Amino acid sequence: MVQNNFLNYIIKSAKTFQYFLGVLMLVSLLVLVTVQVILRYFLNLPLMGIEELLLFPTIWLYMIGAANASEERSHIEVDIVETFLNNFYVKGILKIIKSLLTVIVGIILCFWFFDFFQYSLQTWKLSALLSIPLFFAESALFIGVSLMTFYSIFDFIYDVRMFKKNAKSYTKAGDKK
């Protein structure tokens, strides 16, 4: 029971973090675009570098949005095979395989983006116009993929549990009793 409460706390904390960060990035993006429009089109005073500033919240918003889709299980899927199958047992196995492959690819991407994260931290590259460290934009890749992998692991566990729960109601042929 203690482990389950701790796990729920971690999941809730990750969700809160990503929602807060997503709202913060969305608001900053809207403010920057609004300032740019007002300055450029109404006051005829274009502000240099605002497009470069827009890069940072945009990248964060993409990655947090992808993590949010992963958490809600609303990411794009191609279920062509499942559409033509009537066998619930085989559908369950395919769902588990799909979840497992997602976890494996996520873990591989986490390692790659962690290396990139370290490289970005060590080199401390700067943006061309405003000399803002690109680390702040590039770190979004590692954090976003880490969150997606985190949620994918729970999706895999959920799919295995649901398969085990429903497997008792299937016959060897895979049809429901």
Protein backbone atom coordinates (compact mmCIF):
# COMPACT_ATOMS: atom_id res chain seq x y z
CA MET A 1 0.00 0.00 0.00
CA VAL A 2 2.85 2.39 0.82
CA GLN A 3 4.49 1.64 -2.53
CA ASN A 4 1.24 2.36 -4.37
CA ASN A 5 0.83 5.73 -2.58
CA PHE A 6 4.43 6.65 -3.38
CA LEU A 7 3.91 5.70 -7.03
CA ASN A 8 0.72 7.77 -7.19
CA TYR A 9 2.62 10.69 -5.66
CA ILE A 10 5.35 10.44 -8.32
CA ILE A 11 2.82 10.26 -11.15
CA LYS A 12 0.84 13.18 -9.74
CA SER A 13 4.05 15.22 -9.36
CA ALA A 14 5.08 14.51 -12.96
CA LYS A 15 1.64 15.54 -14.21
CA THR A 16 1.67 18.71 -12.13
CA PHE A 17 5.16 19.58 -13.40
CA GLN A 18 4.25 19.09 -17.04
CA TYR A 19 0.93 20.95 -16.77
CA PHE A 20 2.55 23.89 -14.98
CA LEU A 21 5.41 24.00 -17.48
CA GLY A 22 3.02 23.70 -20.42
CA VAL A 23 0.86 26.58 -19.20
CA LEU A 24 3.94 28.70 -18.46
CA MET A 25 5.35 28.09 -21.96
CA LEU A 26 2.00 28.73 -23.62
CA VAL A 27 1.53 32.03 -21.78
CA SER A 28 5.09 33.13 -22.57
CA LEU A 29 4.57 32.24 -26.23
CA LEU A 30 1.34 34.23 -26.38
CA VAL A 31 2.92 37.22 -24.66
CA LEU A 32 5.91 37.23 -27.02
CA VAL A 33 3.74 36.98 -30.13
CA THR A 34 1.39 39.70 -28.85
CA VAL A 35 4.29 42.03 -28.09
CA GLN A 36 5.77 41.36 -31.53
CA VAL A 37 2.46 42.08 -33.30
CA ILE A 38 1.84 45.29 -31.34
CA LEU A 39 5.36 46.59 -31.84
CA ARG A 40 5.67 45.64 -35.50
CA TYR A 41 2.24 46.37 -36.93
CA PHE A 42 0.76 49.04 -34.67
CA LEU A 43 3.80 51.00 -33.52
CA ASN A 44 5.99 50.23 -36.55
CA LEU A 45 8.88 49.33 -34.22
CA PRO A 46 10.06 45.78 -34.98
CA LEU A 47 11.92 44.18 -32.09
CA MET A 48 15.08 42.32 -33.06
CA GLY A 49 15.42 38.82 -31.70
CA ILE A 50 11.87 38.09 -30.65
CA GLU A 51 11.69 35.26 -33.21
CA GLU A 52 14.74 33.77 -31.54
CA LEU A 53 13.07 34.08 -28.14
CA LEU A 54 10.00 32.29 -29.51
CA LEU A 55 12.14 29.23 -30.19
CA PHE A 56 12.52 28.38 -26.50
CA PRO A 57 8.88 28.16 -25.37
CA THR A 58 7.93 26.56 -28.70
CA ILE A 59 10.32 23.63 -28.26
CA TRP A 60 9.24 23.20 -24.64
CA LEU A 61 5.58 23.33 -25.64
CA TYR A 62 6.06 20.64 -28.29
CA MET A 63 7.83 18.28 -25.92
CA ILE A 64 5.46 18.87 -22.99
CA GLY A 65 2.52 18.43 -25.37
CA ALA A 66 3.94 15.11 -26.55
CA ALA A 67 4.42 14.01 -22.93
CA ASN A 68 0.86 15.06 -22.17
CA ALA A 69 -0.42 12.99 -25.12
CA SER A 70 1.58 10.03 -23.83
CA GLU A 71 0.15 10.46 -20.33
CA GLU A 72 -3.42 10.65 -21.65
CA ARG A 73 -2.83 7.80 -24.12
CA SER A 74 -4.08 10.09 -26.87
CA HIS A 75 -1.06 9.95 -29.15
CA ILE A 76 -1.49 8.95 -32.77
CA GLU A 77 -1.69 5.21 -33.38
CA VAL A 78 -2.01 3.11 -36.49
CA ASP A 79 -4.27 0.18 -35.62
CA ILE A 80 -4.72 -1.36 -39.05
CA VAL A 81 -3.96 -4.90 -37.87
CA GLU A 82 -6.26 -4.61 -34.85
CA THR A 83 -9.09 -3.42 -37.10
CA PHE A 84 -9.10 -6.66 -39.05
CA LEU A 85 -8.70 -8.96 -36.04
CA ASN A 86 -11.68 -10.42 -34.21
CA ASN A 87 -9.55 -12.45 -31.82
CA PHE A 88 -9.39 -10.57 -28.50
CA TYR A 89 -6.50 -12.72 -27.26
CA VAL A 90 -4.32 -11.79 -30.24
CA LYS A 91 -5.36 -8.15 -29.94
CA GLY A 92 -4.21 -8.19 -26.31
CA ILE A 93 -0.85 -9.73 -27.26
CA LEU A 94 -0.38 -7.12 -30.00
CA LYS A 95 -1.18 -4.33 -27.56
CA ILE A 96 1.44 -5.65 -25.13
CA ILE A 97 4.04 -5.93 -27.93
CA LYS A 98 3.26 -2.39 -29.07
CA SER A 99 3.61 -1.08 -25.50
CA LEU A 100 6.86 -2.97 -24.98
CA LEU A 101 8.35 -1.62 -28.22
CA THR A 102 7.33 1.89 -27.18
CA VAL A 103 9.14 1.45 -23.86
CA ILE A 104 12.26 0.06 -25.57
CA VAL A 105 12.41 2.90 -28.10
CA GLY A 106 11.75 5.42 -25.31
CA ILE A 107 14.61 4.06 -23.20
CA ILE A 108 16.98 4.19 -26.18
CA LEU A 109 15.92 7.77 -26.91
CA CYS A 110 16.39 8.67 -23.24
CA PHE A 111 20.00 7.50 -23.39
CA TRP A 112 20.63 9.43 -26.61
CA PHE A 113 19.00 12.60 -25.35
CA PHE A 114 20.81 12.31 -22.03
CA ASP A 115 24.11 12.25 -23.95
CA PHE A 116 22.92 15.26 -25.94
CA PHE A 117 21.84 16.92 -22.68
CA GLN A 118 25.35 16.47 -21.25
CA TYR A 119 26.95 17.66 -24.49
CA SER A 120 24.74 20.74 -24.53
CA LEU A 121 25.61 21.49 -20.91
CA GLN A 122 29.35 21.11 -21.56
CA THR A 123 29.52 23.12 -24.78
CA TRP A 124 27.08 25.83 -23.64
CA LYS A 125 26.29 26.97 -27.19
CA LEU A 126 24.71 30.39 -27.54
CA SER A 127 21.95 31.59 -29.84
CA ALA A 128 23.05 33.72 -32.78
CA LEU A 129 21.43 37.06 -32.03
CA LEU A 130 20.68 37.30 -28.31
CA SER A 131 23.42 34.93 -27.05
CA ILE A 132 20.97 32.92 -24.96
CA PRO A 133 22.33 29.50 -23.97
CA LEU A 134 20.72 26.89 -26.24
CA PHE A 135 20.87 24.46 -23.34
CA PHE A 136 17.55 25.85 -22.15
CA ALA A 137 15.85 24.78 -25.38
CA GLU A 138 17.82 21.58 -25.92
CA SER A 139 17.13 20.29 -22.40
CA ALA A 140 13.44 20.09 -23.34
CA LEU A 141 14.22 17.12 -25.55
CA PHE A 142 15.60 15.02 -22.70
CA ILE A 143 12.91 16.02 -20.23
CA GLY A 144 10.08 15.51 -22.72
CA VAL A 145 11.29 12.08 -23.87
CA SER A 146 11.91 11.06 -20.25
CA LEU A 147 8.32 11.93 -19.36
CA MET A 148 7.02 10.05 -22.42
CA THR A 149 9.06 6.97 -21.48
CA PHE A 150 7.90 7.23 -17.87
CA TYR A 151 4.26 7.15 -18.98
CA SER A 152 4.95 4.41 -21.53
CA ILE A 153 6.28 2.15 -18.79
CA PHE A 154 3.01 2.57 -16.89
CA ASP A 155 1.05 1.94 -20.10
CA PHE A 156 2.95 -1.31 -20.58
CA ILE A 157 2.25 -2.41 -17.01
CA TYR A 158 -1.42 -1.49 -17.44
CA ASP A 159 -1.68 -3.45 -20.71
CA VAL A 160 -0.10 -6.54 -19.13
CA ARG A 161 -2.45 -6.33 -16.14
CA MET A 162 -5.50 -5.91 -18.36
CA PHE A 163 -4.41 -8.84 -20.49
CA LYS A 164 -3.93 -11.06 -17.44
CA LYS A 165 -7.28 -9.96 -16.07
CA ASN A 166 -9.12 -10.63 -19.33
CA ALA A 167 -7.14 -13.74 -20.34
CA LYS A 168 -9.26 -15.90 -18.08
CA SER A 169 -12.33 -15.08 -20.14
CA TYR A 170 -10.77 -16.27 -23.41
CA THR A 171 -10.68 -19.81 -24.70
CA LYS A 172 -7.62 -21.32 -26.37
CA ALA A 173 -9.00 -20.25 -29.74
CA GLY A 174 -9.01 -16.67 -28.46
CA ASP A 175 -12.75 -16.11 -28.58
CA LYS A 176 -14.62 -14.83 -25.57
CA LYS A 177 -16.52 -17.43 -23.60
